[in-house]
Amino acid sequence: MIALSPTRKIMKHFVETERLILREIVSSDAEAMFEMDSNVEVHKYLGNKPFKTITDSEDNIRFIRQQYVDNGIGRWAVVTKAGNQFAGWSGLKLITTQLNNHVNFYEIGYRFLPQFWGKGFATESALATIAYGFEVLKLDAIYAIAHRDNVASRHTLQKCGLRITGQFDYDDNIVCDWFELIKSDWKK
């Protein structure tokens, strides 16, 4: 079961699933975020630009927190209920610049520390995020992108109901699949 919390002025805890808590990303997550984003394997399908310093993670956290203020939504920390461990992040992001001929759309994304790969956390958190997007935010559609060689991420998105509707070049050098999920299809 997924428990949903409506967006509040001060966002803390958004979604709870059977095994996970999705909450706002806070400054104390910097060390775990750096461990994740400095890992070459984590960035394999993200343009191979791993973070070099913890300052990169601190800046990223400030950027995400500003999205909460500006857009009412941003990526969320994924914390395990068993052990209260930061596993990664998941959630929606409002994309306000043009990407694949789209602008002002909500993209679902996720990123996890390698020790949490293969446990179903990406799917579990993505399903909760999609429910939040359609039920709480009342979105009409949710989009995603995945590197065409990232089999695991593509599989997760498809398990969550998103379907590939095309391909495009991201940053002119990364071929990605474009995924879409329309609310009426999600309700089926």
C-alpha atoms as a PDB file:
ATOM      1  CA  MET A   1       0.000   0.000   0.000  1.00  0.00           C
ATOM      2  CA  ILE A   2       1.176   3.503  -0.791  1.00  0.00           C
ATOM      3  CA  ALA A   3       0.367   6.334   1.610  1.00  0.00           C
ATOM      4  CA  LEU A   4       0.258   9.755  -0.054  1.00  0.00           C
ATOM      5  CA  SER A   5       0.819  13.109   1.623  1.00  0.00           C
ATOM      6  CA  PRO A   6      -0.291  16.291  -0.147  1.00  0.00           C
ATOM      7  CA  THR A   7       2.341  18.884  -1.000  1.00  0.00           C
ATOM      8  CA  ARG A   8       2.838  21.379   1.825  1.00  0.00           C
ATOM      9  CA  LYS A   9       4.669  24.695   2.050  1.00  0.00           C
ATOM     10  CA  ILE A  10       7.435  22.978   4.050  1.00  0.00           C
ATOM     11  CA  MET A  11       7.914  19.552   2.521  1.00  0.00           C
ATOM     12  CA  LYS A  12       9.273  16.764   4.636  1.00  0.00           C
ATOM     13  CA  HIS A  13       7.798  13.324   4.002  1.00  0.00           C
ATOM     14  CA  PHE A  14       5.937  12.639   0.775  1.00  0.00           C
ATOM     15  CA  VAL A  15       5.330   8.963   0.239  1.00  0.00           C
ATOM     16  CA  GLU A  16       5.683   5.759   2.184  1.00  0.00           C
ATOM     17  CA  THR A  17       5.684   2.305   0.607  1.00  0.00           C
ATOM     18  CA  GLU A  18       6.010  -1.126   2.127  1.00  0.00           C
ATOM     19  CA  ARG A  19       9.811  -0.864   2.359  1.00  0.00           C
ATOM     20  CA  LEU A  20      10.658   2.769   1.654  1.00  0.00           C
ATOM     21  CA  ILE A  21      10.171   6.333   2.804  1.00  0.00           C
ATOM     22  CA  LEU A  22      10.409   9.043   0.168  1.00  0.00           C
ATOM     23  CA  ARG A  23      11.199  12.350   1.839  1.00  0.00           C
ATOM     24  CA  GLU A  24      12.740  15.677   0.968  1.00  0.00           C
ATOM     25  CA  ILE A  25      16.458  15.674   0.321  1.00  0.00           C
ATOM     26  CA  VAL A  26      18.236  17.600   3.067  1.00  0.00           C
ATOM     27  CA  SER A  27      21.758  18.908   3.562  1.00  0.00           C
ATOM     28  CA  SER A  28      22.668  15.976   5.824  1.00  0.00           C
ATOM     29  CA  ASP A  29      22.247  13.682   2.779  1.00  0.00           C
ATOM     30  CA  ALA A  30      25.351  15.211   1.163  1.00  0.00           C
ATOM     31  CA  GLU A  31      27.772  12.455   2.149  1.00  0.00           C
ATOM     32  CA  ALA A  32      25.535   9.644   0.869  1.00  0.00           C
ATOM     33  CA  MET A  33      24.703  11.630  -2.268  1.00  0.00           C
ATOM     34  CA  PHE A  34      28.421  12.114  -2.899  1.00  0.00           C
ATOM     35  CA  GLU A  35      29.086   8.400  -2.407  1.00  0.00           C
ATOM     36  CA  MET A  36      26.427   7.716  -5.047  1.00  0.00           C
ATOM     37  CA  ASP A  37      27.246  10.467  -7.536  1.00  0.00           C
ATOM     38  CA  SER A  38      31.025  10.025  -7.402  1.00  0.00           C
ATOM     39  CA  ASN A  39      30.645   6.381  -8.429  1.00  0.00           C
ATOM     40  CA  VAL A  40      31.642   5.785 -12.051  1.00  0.00           C
ATOM     41  CA  GLU A  41      29.215   2.848 -12.371  1.00  0.00           C
ATOM     42  CA  VAL A  42      26.300   5.007 -11.200  1.00  0.00           C
ATOM     43  CA  HIS A  43      27.136   7.562 -13.895  1.00  0.00           C
ATOM     44  CA  LYS A  44      27.774   5.019 -16.659  1.00  0.00           C
ATOM     45  CA  TYR A  45      24.556   5.944 -18.513  1.00  0.00           C
ATOM     46  CA  LEU A  46      24.436   9.565 -17.360  1.00  0.00           C
ATOM     47  CA  GLY A  47      27.159  11.008 -19.557  1.00  0.00           C
ATOM     48  CA  ASN A  48      30.039   9.727 -17.400  1.00  0.00           C
ATOM     49  CA  LYS A  49      30.329  12.883 -15.299  1.00  0.00           C
ATOM     50  CA  PRO A  50      30.697  11.630 -11.714  1.00  0.00           C
ATOM     51  CA  PHE A  51      31.011  14.228  -8.969  1.00  0.00           C
ATOM     52  CA  LYS A  52      34.551  15.124  -7.945  1.00  0.00           C
ATOM     53  CA  THR A  53      33.969  16.736  -4.528  1.00  0.00           C
ATOM     54  CA  ILE A  54      31.364  16.739  -1.809  1.00  0.00           C
ATOM     55  CA  THR A  55      30.748  20.381  -2.725  1.00  0.00           C
ATOM     56  CA  ASP A  56      29.225  19.075  -5.965  1.00  0.00           C
ATOM     57  CA  SER A  57      26.691  17.126  -3.886  1.00  0.00           C
ATOM     58  CA  GLU A  58      26.009  20.065  -1.598  1.00  0.00           C
ATOM     59  CA  ASP A  59      25.372  22.269  -4.635  1.00  0.00           C
ATOM     60  CA  ASN A  60      23.087  19.620  -6.115  1.00  0.00           C
ATOM     61  CA  ILE A  61      21.096  19.425  -2.885  1.00  0.00           C
ATOM     62  CA  ARG A  62      20.650  23.204  -2.873  1.00  0.00           C
ATOM     63  CA  PHE A  63      19.476  22.996  -6.502  1.00  0.00           C
ATOM     64  CA  ILE A  64      16.939  20.261  -5.658  1.00  0.00           C
ATOM     65  CA  ARG A  65      15.693  22.144  -2.590  1.00  0.00           C
ATOM     66  CA  GLN A  66      15.206  25.258  -4.727  1.00  0.00           C
ATOM     67  CA  GLN A  67      13.027  23.153  -7.039  1.00  0.00           C
ATOM     68  CA  TYR A  68      10.795  22.395  -4.042  1.00  0.00           C
ATOM     69  CA  VAL A  69      10.357  26.147  -3.562  1.00  0.00           C
ATOM     70  CA  ASP A  70      10.056  27.128  -7.227  1.00  0.00           C
ATOM     71  CA  ASN A  71       8.045  24.181  -8.562  1.00  0.00           C
ATOM     72  CA  GLY A  72       6.488  22.508  -5.535  1.00  0.00           C
ATOM     73  CA  ILE A  73       8.234  19.252  -6.451  1.00  0.00           C
ATOM     74  CA  GLY A  74      11.702  17.799  -6.906  1.00  0.00           C
ATOM     75  CA  ARG A  75      13.606  14.566  -6.428  1.00  0.00           C
ATOM     76  CA  TRP A  76      13.110  12.836  -3.075  1.00  0.00           C
ATOM     77  CA  ALA A  77      15.514  10.916  -0.889  1.00  0.00           C
ATOM     78  CA  VAL A  78      14.715   7.204  -0.775  1.00  0.00           C
ATOM     79  CA  VAL A  79      15.308   5.806   2.691  1.00  0.00           C
ATOM     80  CA  THR A  80      14.899   2.172   3.669  1.00  0.00           C
ATOM     81  CA  LYS A  81      12.522   1.443   6.522  1.00  0.00           C
ATOM     82  CA  ALA A  82      14.728  -1.470   7.553  1.00  0.00           C
ATOM     83  CA  GLY A  83      17.895   0.239   8.715  1.00  0.00           C
ATOM     84  CA  ASN A  84      16.895   3.837   7.927  1.00  0.00           C
ATOM     85  CA  GLN A  85      19.551   3.948   5.164  1.00  0.00           C
ATOM     86  CA  PHE A  86      19.777   6.488   2.364  1.00  0.00           C
ATOM     87  CA  ALA A  87      19.455   4.289  -0.741  1.00  0.00           C
ATOM     88  CA  GLY A  88      19.311   7.014  -3.388  1.00  0.00           C
ATOM     89  CA  TRP A  89      16.736   9.369  -4.830  1.00  0.00           C
ATOM     90  CA  SER A  90      13.571   9.085  -6.845  1.00  0.00           C
ATOM     91  CA  GLY A  91      10.795  11.412  -7.841  1.00  0.00           C
ATOM     92  CA  LEU A  92       9.429  13.945 -10.243  1.00  0.00           C
ATOM     93  CA  LYS A  93      11.143  16.975 -11.669  1.00  0.00           C
ATOM     94  CA  LEU A  94       9.497  19.771 -13.612  1.00  0.00           C
ATOM     95  CA  ILE A  95      11.520  20.241 -16.793  1.00  0.00           C
ATOM     96  CA  THR A  96      11.157  23.867 -17.863  1.00  0.00           C
ATOM     97  CA  THR A  97      13.574  23.804 -20.797  1.00  0.00           C
ATOM     98  CA  GLN A  98      12.952  22.133 -24.135  1.00  0.00           C
ATOM     99  CA  LEU A  99      13.836  18.464 -24.297  1.00  0.00           C
ATOM    100  CA  ASN A 100      12.797  16.258 -27.214  1.00  0.00           C
ATOM    101  CA  ASN A 101      10.363  18.956 -28.380  1.00  0.00           C
ATOM    102  CA  HIS A 102       8.672  19.069 -24.952  1.00  0.00           C
ATOM    103  CA  VAL A 103       8.747  21.850 -22.356  1.00  0.00           C
ATOM    104  CA  ASN A 104       7.138  22.279 -18.916  1.00  0.00           C
ATOM    105  CA  PHE A 105       6.625  18.584 -18.314  1.00  0.00           C
ATOM    106  CA  TYR A 106       7.147  16.260 -15.366  1.00  0.00           C
ATOM    107  CA  GLU A 107       9.908  13.709 -15.659  1.00  0.00           C
ATOM    108  CA  ILE A 108      10.261  10.713 -13.383  1.00  0.00           C
ATOM    109  CA  GLY A 109      13.770   9.685 -12.457  1.00  0.00           C
ATOM    110  CA  TYR A 110      15.709   7.682  -9.905  1.00  0.00           C
ATOM    111  CA  ARG A 111      19.272   6.961  -8.929  1.00  0.00           C
ATOM    112  CA  PHE A 112      20.540   4.513  -6.327  1.00  0.00           C
ATOM    113  CA  LEU A 113      23.722   3.490  -4.570  1.00  0.00           C
ATOM    114  CA  PRO A 114      24.982   0.225  -6.122  1.00  0.00           C
ATOM    115  CA  GLN A 115      24.404  -1.789  -2.956  1.00  0.00           C
ATOM    116  CA  PHE A 116      20.675  -1.116  -3.421  1.00  0.00           C
ATOM    117  CA  TRP A 117      20.517  -2.195  -7.078  1.00  0.00           C
ATOM    118  CA  GLY A 118      18.528  -5.312  -7.941  1.00  0.00           C
ATOM    119  CA  LYS A 119      16.233  -5.084  -4.913  1.00  0.00           C
ATOM    120  CA  GLY A 120      13.210  -3.577  -6.659  1.00  0.00           C
ATOM    121  CA  PHE A 121      13.618  -0.174  -4.995  1.00  0.00           C
ATOM    122  CA  ALA A 122      13.610   1.707  -8.312  1.00  0.00           C
ATOM    123  CA  THR A 123      10.304   0.116  -9.309  1.00  0.00           C
ATOM    124  CA  GLU A 124       8.769   0.521  -5.852  1.00  0.00           C
ATOM    125  CA  SER A 125       9.744   4.177  -5.584  1.00  0.00           C
ATOM    126  CA  ALA A 126       8.769   4.930  -9.202  1.00  0.00           C
ATOM    127  CA  LEU A 127       5.308   3.394  -8.758  1.00  0.00           C
ATOM    128  CA  ALA A 128       4.798   5.493  -5.627  1.00  0.00           C
ATOM    129  CA  THR A 129       6.007   8.591  -7.454  1.00  0.00           C
ATOM    130  CA  ILE A 130       3.658   7.969 -10.369  1.00  0.00           C
ATOM    131  CA  ALA A 131       0.713   7.549  -7.996  1.00  0.00           C
ATOM    132  CA  TYR A 132       1.681  10.805  -6.278  1.00  0.00           C
ATOM    133  CA  GLY A 133       1.933  12.591  -9.617  1.00  0.00           C
ATOM    134  CA  PHE A 134      -1.467  11.472 -10.848  1.00  0.00           C
ATOM    135  CA  GLU A 135      -3.416  11.391  -7.566  1.00  0.00           C
ATOM    136  CA  VAL A 136      -1.958  14.319  -5.613  1.00  0.00           C
ATOM    137  CA  LEU A 137      -0.519  16.630  -8.263  1.00  0.00           C
ATOM    138  CA  LYS A 138      -3.313  15.767 -10.736  1.00  0.00           C
ATOM    139  CA  LEU A 139      -0.894  15.490 -13.651  1.00  0.00           C
ATOM    140  CA  ASP A 140      -2.157  14.427 -17.064  1.00  0.00           C
ATOM    141  CA  ALA A 141       1.113  12.775 -18.133  1.00  0.00           C
ATOM    142  CA  ILE A 142       4.506  11.726 -16.798  1.00  0.00           C
ATOM    143  CA  TYR A 143       7.588  11.339 -18.975  1.00  0.00           C
ATOM    144  CA  ALA A 144      10.995   9.713 -18.594  1.00  0.00           C
ATOM    145  CA  ILE A 145      14.218   9.255 -20.502  1.00  0.00           C
ATOM    146  CA  ALA A 146      16.714   6.419 -20.350  1.00  0.00           C
ATOM    147  CA  HIS A 147      19.943   5.715 -22.174  1.00  0.00           C
ATOM    148  CA  ARG A 148      19.129   3.122 -24.828  1.00  0.00           C
ATOM    149  CA  ASP A 149      21.770   0.757 -23.371  1.00  0.00           C
ATOM    150  CA  ASN A 150      20.517   1.054 -19.782  1.00  0.00           C
ATOM    151  CA  VAL A 151      18.502  -2.155 -19.809  1.00  0.00           C
ATOM    152  CA  ALA A 152      17.707  -2.083 -16.074  1.00  0.00           C
ATOM    153  CA  SER A 153      16.290   1.448 -16.103  1.00  0.00           C
ATOM    154  CA  ARG A 154      14.330   0.860 -19.298  1.00  0.00           C
ATOM    155  CA  HIS A 155      12.862  -2.318 -17.779  1.00  0.00           C
ATOM    156  CA  THR A 156      11.891  -0.480 -14.586  1.00  0.00           C
ATOM    157  CA  LEU A 157      10.087   2.252 -16.506  1.00  0.00           C
ATOM    158  CA  GLN A 158       8.214  -0.290 -18.599  1.00  0.00           C
ATOM    159  CA  LYS A 159       7.208  -2.293 -15.497  1.00  0.00           C
ATOM    160  CA  CYS A 160       5.765   0.948 -14.130  1.00  0.00           C
ATOM    161  CA  GLY A 161       3.571   1.376 -17.199  1.00  0.00           C
ATOM    162  CA  LEU A 162       5.589   3.901 -19.195  1.00  0.00           C
ATOM    163  CA  ARG A 163       5.976   3.093 -22.854  1.00  0.00           C
ATOM    164  CA  ILE A 164       8.668   4.028 -25.323  1.00  0.00           C
ATOM    165  CA  THR A 165       7.309   6.499 -27.860  1.00  0.00           C
ATOM    166  CA  GLY A 166      10.547   7.471 -29.568  1.00  0.00           C
ATOM    167  CA  GLN A 167      14.285   8.047 -29.383  1.00  0.00           C
ATOM    168  CA  PHE A 168      16.326  11.241 -29.357  1.00  0.00           C
ATOM    169  CA  ASP A 169      19.884  12.475 -28.891  1.00  0.00           C
ATOM    170  CA  TYR A 170      20.428  13.916 -25.427  1.00  0.00           C
ATOM    171  CA  ASP A 171      23.190  16.531 -25.394  1.00  0.00           C
ATOM    172  CA  ASP A 172      23.880  15.597 -29.029  1.00  0.00           C
ATOM    173  CA  ASN A 173      25.788  12.470 -28.050  1.00  0.00           C
ATOM    174  CA  ILE A 174      23.639  10.156 -25.899  1.00  0.00           C
ATOM    175  CA  VAL A 175      20.887   8.199 -27.640  1.00  0.00           C
ATOM    176  CA  CYS A 176      17.956   7.888 -25.251  1.00  0.00           C
ATOM    177  CA  ASP A 177      14.526   6.327 -25.298  1.00  0.00           C
ATOM    178  CA  TRP A 178      11.613   8.675 -24.647  1.00  0.00           C
ATOM    179  CA  PHE A 179       8.941   7.248 -22.331  1.00  0.00           C
ATOM    180  CA  GLU A 180       5.404   8.467 -21.685  1.00  0.00           C
ATOM    181  CA  LEU A 181       2.574   7.521 -19.356  1.00  0.00           C
ATOM    182  CA  ILE A 182      -0.784   9.227 -19.801  1.00  0.00           C
ATOM    183  CA  LYS A 183      -3.100   9.327 -16.793  1.00  0.00           C
ATOM    184  CA  SER A 184      -5.921   7.509 -18.602  1.00  0.00           C
ATOM    185  CA  ASP A 185      -3.525   4.649 -19.455  1.00  0.00           C
ATOM    186  CA  TRP A 186      -2.269   4.515 -15.859  1.00  0.00           C
ATOM    187  CA  LYS A 187      -5.817   4.106 -14.553  1.00  0.00           C
ATOM    188  CA  LYS A 188      -6.212   0.940 -16.642  1.00  0.00           C
END
